Structure formats: structure tokens, C-alpha cells
Protein backbone atom coordinates (compact mmCIF):
# COMPACT_ATOMS: atom_id res chain seq x y z
CA UNK A 1 41.11 -48.81 -95.51
CA UNK A 2 42.42 -50.20 -92.25
CA UNK A 3 40.57 -52.28 -89.75
CA UNK A 4 39.70 -50.75 -86.42
CA UNK A 5 39.78 -51.53 -82.71
CA UNK A 6 41.47 -54.89 -82.87
CA UNK A 7 44.46 -56.65 -84.35
CA UNK A 8 42.91 -59.05 -86.81
CA UNK A 9 39.89 -58.66 -89.08
CA UNK A 10 36.98 -57.71 -86.88
CA UNK A 11 34.45 -58.19 -89.62
CA UNK A 12 34.55 -59.27 -93.23
CA UNK A 13 30.82 -59.01 -93.73
CA UNK A 14 31.03 -57.17 -97.01
CA UNK A 15 27.33 -57.56 -97.68
CA UNK A 16 26.61 -55.93 -94.35
CA UNK A 17 28.60 -52.87 -95.34
CA UNK A 18 26.77 -52.73 -98.65
CA UNK A 19 23.46 -52.82 -96.83
CA UNK A 20 24.27 -50.27 -94.14
CA UNK A 21 26.03 -47.94 -96.54
CA UNK A 22 22.71 -47.12 -98.21
CA UNK A 23 24.53 -47.25 -101.52
CA UNK A 24 21.68 -47.57 -103.97
CA UNK A 25 18.52 -45.90 -102.73
CA UNK A 26 16.87 -43.85 -100.01
CA UNK A 27 16.02 -46.19 -97.15
CA UNK A 28 13.58 -43.73 -95.56
CA UNK A 29 11.24 -43.82 -98.59
CA UNK A 30 9.38 -46.94 -99.76
CA UNK A 31 8.66 -47.45 -103.50
CA UNK A 32 5.05 -47.12 -104.72
CA UNK A 33 2.85 -50.21 -104.69
CA UNK A 34 3.68 -52.71 -107.42
CA UNK A 35 7.09 -51.23 -108.17
CA UNK A 36 10.11 -53.49 -108.10
CA UNK A 37 13.81 -53.27 -108.82
CA UNK A 38 16.85 -55.48 -109.27
CA UNK A 39 20.28 -54.05 -108.52
CA UNK A 40 23.76 -55.43 -109.06
CA UNK A 41 26.69 -53.97 -107.11
CA UNK A 42 30.43 -54.48 -107.14
CA UNK A 43 32.72 -53.59 -104.24
CA UNK A 44 36.48 -53.79 -103.78
CA UNK A 45 38.20 -53.31 -100.41
CA UNK A 46 41.98 -53.10 -100.08
CA UNK A 47 42.81 -53.95 -96.47
CA UNK A 48 46.06 -52.13 -95.72
CA UNK A 49 46.68 -53.43 -92.21
CA UNK A 50 45.25 -53.59 -88.69
CA UNK A 51 44.78 -50.98 -86.00
CA UNK A 52 45.59 -51.93 -82.45
CA UNK A 53 43.31 -50.75 -79.66
CA UNK A 54 45.55 -47.69 -79.06
CA UNK A 55 45.04 -46.59 -82.68
CA UNK A 56 48.48 -47.63 -83.99
CA UNK A 57 48.36 -48.98 -87.54
CA UNK A 58 50.38 -52.13 -88.15
CA UNK A 59 50.75 -52.72 -91.92
CA UNK A 60 50.68 -56.52 -91.58
CA UNK A 61 48.13 -59.09 -92.67
CA UNK A 62 47.10 -57.20 -95.79
CA UNK A 63 44.38 -58.68 -97.98
CA UNK A 64 42.04 -57.88 -100.85
CA UNK A 65 38.27 -58.40 -100.78
CA UNK A 66 35.83 -58.09 -103.67
CA UNK A 67 32.14 -58.83 -103.80
CA UNK A 68 29.35 -59.05 -106.35
CA UNK A 69 26.00 -58.28 -104.73
CA UNK A 70 22.61 -59.09 -106.23
CA UNK A 71 19.55 -57.51 -104.61
CA UNK A 72 15.85 -57.43 -105.47
CA UNK A 73 13.12 -55.24 -103.96
CA UNK A 74 9.34 -55.21 -104.39
CA UNK A 75 6.71 -52.94 -102.86
CA UNK A 76 3.56 -54.88 -101.91
CA UNK A 77 1.77 -51.68 -100.85
CA UNK A 78 2.59 -47.97 -100.78
CA UNK A 79 4.05 -48.55 -97.33
CA UNK A 80 5.45 -52.10 -97.24
CA UNK A 81 8.42 -53.37 -99.25
CA UNK A 82 10.60 -56.48 -99.09
CA UNK A 83 14.24 -56.67 -100.13
CA UNK A 84 16.36 -59.81 -100.56
CA UNK A 85 20.03 -60.05 -101.47
CA UNK A 86 23.01 -62.39 -101.63
CA UNK A 87 26.69 -61.56 -102.23
CA UNK A 88 29.36 -63.62 -103.93
CA UNK A 89 32.69 -62.85 -102.24
CA UNK A 90 36.31 -63.10 -103.38
CA UNK A 91 39.14 -62.79 -100.84
CA UNK A 92 42.92 -63.16 -101.08
CA UNK A 93 45.84 -62.73 -98.69
CA UNK A 94 48.21 -60.26 -100.36
CA UNK A 95 50.86 -59.61 -97.71
CA UNK A 96 54.23 -61.27 -98.57
CA UNK A 97 54.83 -61.78 -94.85
CA UNK A 98 52.86 -64.01 -92.45
CA UNK A 99 50.58 -62.43 -89.84
CA UNK A 100 52.22 -61.32 -86.60
CA UNK A 101 52.38 -63.99 -83.89
CA UNK A 102 50.28 -65.48 -82.36
CA UNK A 103 47.95 -65.10 -85.35
CA UNK A 104 48.06 -68.45 -87.19
CA UNK A 105 49.25 -68.51 -90.80
CA UNK A 106 46.49 -70.66 -92.25
CA UNK A 107 46.70 -72.64 -95.52
CA UNK A 108 43.96 -70.46 -97.09
CA UNK A 109 46.32 -67.48 -96.64
CA UNK A 110 49.62 -69.23 -97.31
CA UNK A 111 48.64 -70.05 -100.88
CA UNK A 112 48.05 -66.34 -101.69
CA UNK A 113 45.21 -67.55 -103.90
CA UNK A 114 41.62 -66.41 -104.28
CA UNK A 115 39.02 -67.87 -101.95
CA UNK A 116 35.49 -67.40 -103.26
CA UNK A 117 31.92 -68.37 -102.55
CA UNK A 118 28.44 -67.22 -101.61
CA UNK A 119 28.24 -65.44 -98.28
CA UNK A 120 25.09 -64.47 -96.29
CA UNK A 121 21.46 -64.26 -97.34
CA UNK A 122 19.85 -60.96 -96.36
CA UNK A 123 16.11 -60.19 -96.19
CA UNK A 124 14.73 -56.80 -95.11
CA UNK A 125 11.14 -55.69 -94.62
CA UNK A 126 10.44 -51.95 -94.48
CA UNK A 127 7.17 -50.28 -93.46
CA UNK A 128 6.63 -46.57 -93.97
CA UNK A 129 4.81 -44.99 -91.03
CA UNK A 130 4.69 -41.45 -92.37
CA UNK A 131 5.31 -39.63 -95.62
CA UNK A 132 4.69 -42.21 -98.31
CA UNK A 133 6.71 -42.72 -101.48
CA UNK A 134 6.56 -39.10 -102.64
CA UNK A 135 6.14 -37.19 -99.38
CA UNK A 136 8.52 -34.49 -98.21
CA UNK A 137 9.06 -36.45 -94.96
CA UNK A 138 9.37 -40.19 -94.39
CA UNK A 139 9.70 -42.35 -91.30
CA UNK A 140 10.34 -46.05 -91.97
CA UNK A 141 11.11 -48.81 -89.44
CA UNK A 142 12.67 -52.03 -90.74
CA UNK A 143 13.64 -55.52 -89.70
CA UNK A 144 16.40 -57.54 -91.38
CA UNK A 145 17.47 -61.15 -91.12
CA UNK A 146 20.91 -62.38 -92.12
CA UNK A 147 21.92 -66.03 -92.36
CA UNK A 148 24.96 -67.82 -93.86
CA UNK A 149 24.19 -69.41 -97.21
CA UNK A 150 26.33 -72.39 -96.21
CA UNK A 151 28.98 -73.38 -93.67
CA UNK A 152 31.87 -71.40 -95.17
CA UNK A 153 35.31 -70.72 -93.70
CA UNK A 154 35.44 -67.76 -91.31
CA UNK A 155 39.10 -68.00 -90.25
CA UNK A 156 42.04 -66.12 -91.73
CA UNK A 157 42.54 -62.94 -93.72
CA UNK A 158 40.93 -64.48 -96.81
CA UNK A 159 37.77 -65.62 -95.01
CA UNK A 160 34.50 -65.07 -96.85
CA UNK A 161 32.68 -63.69 -93.80
CA UNK A 162 31.84 -64.34 -90.16
CA UNK A 163 29.39 -67.25 -90.66
CA UNK A 164 26.98 -65.87 -88.04
CA UNK A 165 23.22 -65.39 -88.00
CA UNK A 166 21.75 -62.03 -87.01
CA UNK A 167 18.52 -60.05 -86.72
CA UNK A 168 18.68 -56.29 -87.19
CA UNK A 169 15.99 -53.79 -86.21
CA UNK A 170 16.20 -50.19 -87.35
CA UNK A 171 14.45 -46.98 -88.28
CA UNK A 172 15.20 -44.45 -91.03
CA UNK A 173 13.94 -40.89 -91.39
CA UNK A 174 14.30 -38.51 -94.31
CA UNK A 175 13.18 -35.04 -95.33
CA UNK A 176 13.34 -32.93 -98.47
CA UNK A 177 14.64 -29.47 -97.60
CA UNK A 178 12.24 -27.57 -99.86
CA UNK A 179 12.72 -24.37 -97.85
CA UNK A 180 16.34 -24.33 -99.02
CA UNK A 181 16.08 -26.19 -102.33
CA UNK A 182 13.68 -28.73 -103.79
CA UNK A 183 16.77 -30.62 -105.00
CA UNK A 184 18.19 -31.12 -101.49
CA UNK A 185 17.30 -33.87 -98.99
CA UNK A 186 18.76 -35.39 -95.84
CA UNK A 187 18.17 -38.72 -94.16
CA UNK A 188 19.53 -40.69 -91.27
CA UNK A 189 19.05 -44.07 -89.67
CA UNK A 190 19.85 -46.22 -86.66
CA UNK A 191 19.82 -50.00 -86.30
CA UNK A 192 20.63 -52.54 -83.61
CA UNK A 193 21.79 -56.03 -84.56
CA UNK A 194 21.31 -59.12 -82.40
CA UNK A 195 24.17 -61.37 -83.49
CA UNK A 196 24.56 -65.10 -82.85
CA UNK A 197 26.77 -65.67 -79.80
CA UNK A 198 29.93 -67.77 -79.99
CA UNK A 199 31.33 -69.25 -76.76
CA UNK A 200 28.80 -67.08 -74.89
CA UNK A 201 30.46 -63.91 -76.25
CA UNK A 202 28.13 -61.25 -77.62
CA UNK A 203 29.05 -59.15 -80.66
CA UNK A 204 25.78 -57.24 -80.96
CA UNK A 205 26.24 -53.84 -82.54
CA UNK A 206 24.69 -50.45 -83.20
CA UNK A 207 24.92 -48.70 -86.57
CA UNK A 208 23.94 -45.17 -87.51
CA UNK A 209 24.22 -43.15 -90.70
CA UNK A 210 23.62 -39.62 -91.93
CA UNK A 211 23.31 -38.69 -95.59
CA UNK A 212 22.80 -35.58 -97.67
CA UNK A 213 21.67 -35.72 -101.33
CA UNK A 214 21.59 -32.94 -103.91
CA UNK A 215 20.26 -33.21 -107.46
CA UNK A 216 22.63 -31.17 -109.62
CA UNK A 217 20.54 -32.14 -112.65
CA UNK A 218 17.45 -34.29 -113.13
CA UNK A 219 19.59 -37.41 -113.58
CA UNK A 220 22.71 -36.48 -111.58
CA UNK A 221 22.82 -36.75 -107.79
CA UNK A 222 25.70 -35.78 -105.46
CA UNK A 223 25.80 -37.63 -102.15
CA UNK A 224 27.71 -37.26 -98.88
CA UNK A 225 27.54 -39.85 -96.09
CA UNK A 226 28.78 -40.52 -92.55
CA UNK A 227 28.65 -43.95 -90.88
CA UNK A 228 29.13 -44.99 -87.25
CA UNK A 229 29.39 -48.42 -85.65
CA UNK A 230 29.72 -49.56 -82.05
CA UNK A 231 30.12 -53.21 -81.05
CA UNK A 232 28.50 -54.08 -77.72
CA UNK A 233 30.92 -56.74 -76.59
CA UNK A 234 33.39 -58.62 -78.74
CA UNK A 235 37.06 -59.27 -78.10
CA UNK A 236 40.02 -56.87 -78.01
CA UNK A 237 43.57 -57.87 -78.87
CA UNK A 238 45.12 -54.91 -77.08
CA UNK A 239 48.38 -53.15 -77.89
CA UNK A 240 52.06 -53.48 -77.13
CA UNK A 241 53.18 -52.30 -73.70
CA UNK A 242 52.74 -49.70 -72.32
CA UNK A 243 49.00 -49.88 -72.86
CA UNK A 244 45.79 -50.13 -70.87
CA UNK A 245 45.20 -53.53 -72.46
CA UNK A 246 48.43 -55.36 -73.30
CA UNK A 247 48.55 -57.68 -76.33
CA UNK A 248 47.07 -60.34 -76.74
CA UNK A 249 44.47 -58.78 -74.46
CA UNK A 250 41.18 -60.68 -74.27
CA UNK A 251 42.22 -63.25 -76.90
CA UNK A 252 44.02 -65.23 -74.24
CA UNK A 253 43.06 -68.87 -74.87
CA UNK A 254 43.49 -71.23 -77.84
CA UNK A 255 39.70 -71.43 -78.17
CA UNK A 256 39.32 -67.64 -78.40
CA UNK A 257 42.25 -67.40 -80.82
CA UNK A 258 40.46 -69.93 -83.03
CA UNK A 259 37.31 -67.74 -83.05
CA UNK A 260 38.85 -64.26 -82.96
CA UNK A 261 38.31 -63.47 -86.67
CA UNK A 262 34.56 -63.22 -86.17
CA UNK A 263 34.47 -61.99 -82.58
CA UNK A 264 36.76 -58.95 -82.53
CA UNK A 265 35.27 -55.64 -81.50
CA UNK A 266 34.86 -53.32 -84.49
CA UNK A 267 34.12 -49.65 -83.72
CA UNK A 268 34.46 -46.98 -86.40
CA UNK A 269 33.55 -43.67 -87.99
CA UNK A 270 33.53 -43.57 -91.80
CA UNK A 271 32.82 -40.76 -94.20
CA UNK A 272 32.31 -40.89 -97.95
CA UNK A 273 30.72 -39.35 -100.96
CA UNK A 274 29.70 -40.20 -104.48
CA UNK A 275 27.68 -39.55 -107.59
CA UNK A 276 24.56 -41.33 -108.77
């Protein structure tokens, strides 16, 4: 995959993608009271380059990210559940060439070695307003808190994450399409994240998703998903001339260059599918 709407990594919050991707379960439905689960996920992302603000892909600054994500959920009632998770992240700079100037070539990237460590704690509370655990329709607001597990490095292509606190508020809705097939369901969600400001710059964001699930057999599910993200603020590196915003764009001071890895604007559409 290639990074969007910037020139350097706009976001390496791998745990965030795992959470918003709705990879393991239906977020619109809450488990029955007293039911709990523990899930373990692995993710690998091959970063093939960076997209400038005009959409041009520059195959420079390539890196590899992997994460191991442990998550636990417990339903206190038929409507209220709490989920907590923490990822362990591995990151390595894989490009044989240094990043394009003026991006600094940091020691953590120069060594072409693995950087690893715990990233951000995540806690989410979900409350089902309608539908229940087994209903044909479900409407479930949620609130999530994310906080760095420690003061880790956020600079460079092999950074573990953005090292920022955030609070995310969202709502998910889902429906079984029994009129078409009792094996078919759709769900969608929207969330808004209030992200810790750095140098008075906001990187709050909106996320939305749409998913369709079909049970081919009792134990086999086919899934299709679409994801959208819009950053409300952030920094743009711009593009080479001629362009509406000429490189280095809004990253025009040493202080902003030092913080750009976690402040770049990151807007995207993503589509995917899978089996469960």
C-alpha cells in the first residue's frame, strides 16, 4: 500500500487501523451478558512509497511494518461491553536509498534494523441502544480512548506510532437482510477522533466504514469492506511545481519538519475483502 495525501508517513498507528477495520467481529452487535473473548491478530504492511498531494506516487522511503495485537472483550450486560487492546509493533526501513530531501535520514532508519516495542493502549465501551445481541437490527454508540503505552519514538519511517493521545466517539448500525437471505447482513459506522494537538496543530479525523457479510456455510463467512478517512487539519507537504501547493508546502520550519511524521494529513478510501 502507499501512503496518501502527504510526502512522509502520515500515520503509523497500526492498532488504529486494526480497530477501525472491524477485522474480528460485528461492531454494531454487543455480545450477550457474561460473554467474553480474547483475540490475537497479526498484521503486515508493506509501505511501497509516498503519495504527494497531487496523487503522484514517489517510490522512496519504503518500509515494513508488522504488529501483534492482543484484545479482550467482556459484556457486562446484554447492551454494554468493554474492549481493551494493546499492540506490539515491529518496523524497519527497507529502502536502500535515503529519504528525499529535506526529510532527515535518522539513525533508526540508517541501520535498516528492526525497531520494536509496545504502542498505544486502546479501551472501547459500546452500548447497544436497539436490537440486542441477536436482533435483526442493531444501533450501538461507542467511546474509545487511546494513549501511548510509553514515550516511544515517533520520528522516521521505522517509528512505532504517533505517540499521541486521542478520544474517539462513534456509532455503528447493522441489519440482517432476511428479506433477501437470512445469511446476509450489512453494517456501517462513523467515528470522530479528538487527537492531542502538537504545536497548536489539530489532526482530528473522521472515519467511516461499510461492510457486507454473507454466510456461505454455518462456519464460513465472506466479507467485503470499504473504509474512508478524512483528517480535519494536519500538514501537507505539497508537490513539485507546477502545483497548487509547492513542496515542502506547510512543512516550512525546522520545528514542523521535526514533527511532520505524526502531523501529516492522511485522507483515503480503502476497499478490501476476506474470509472468516
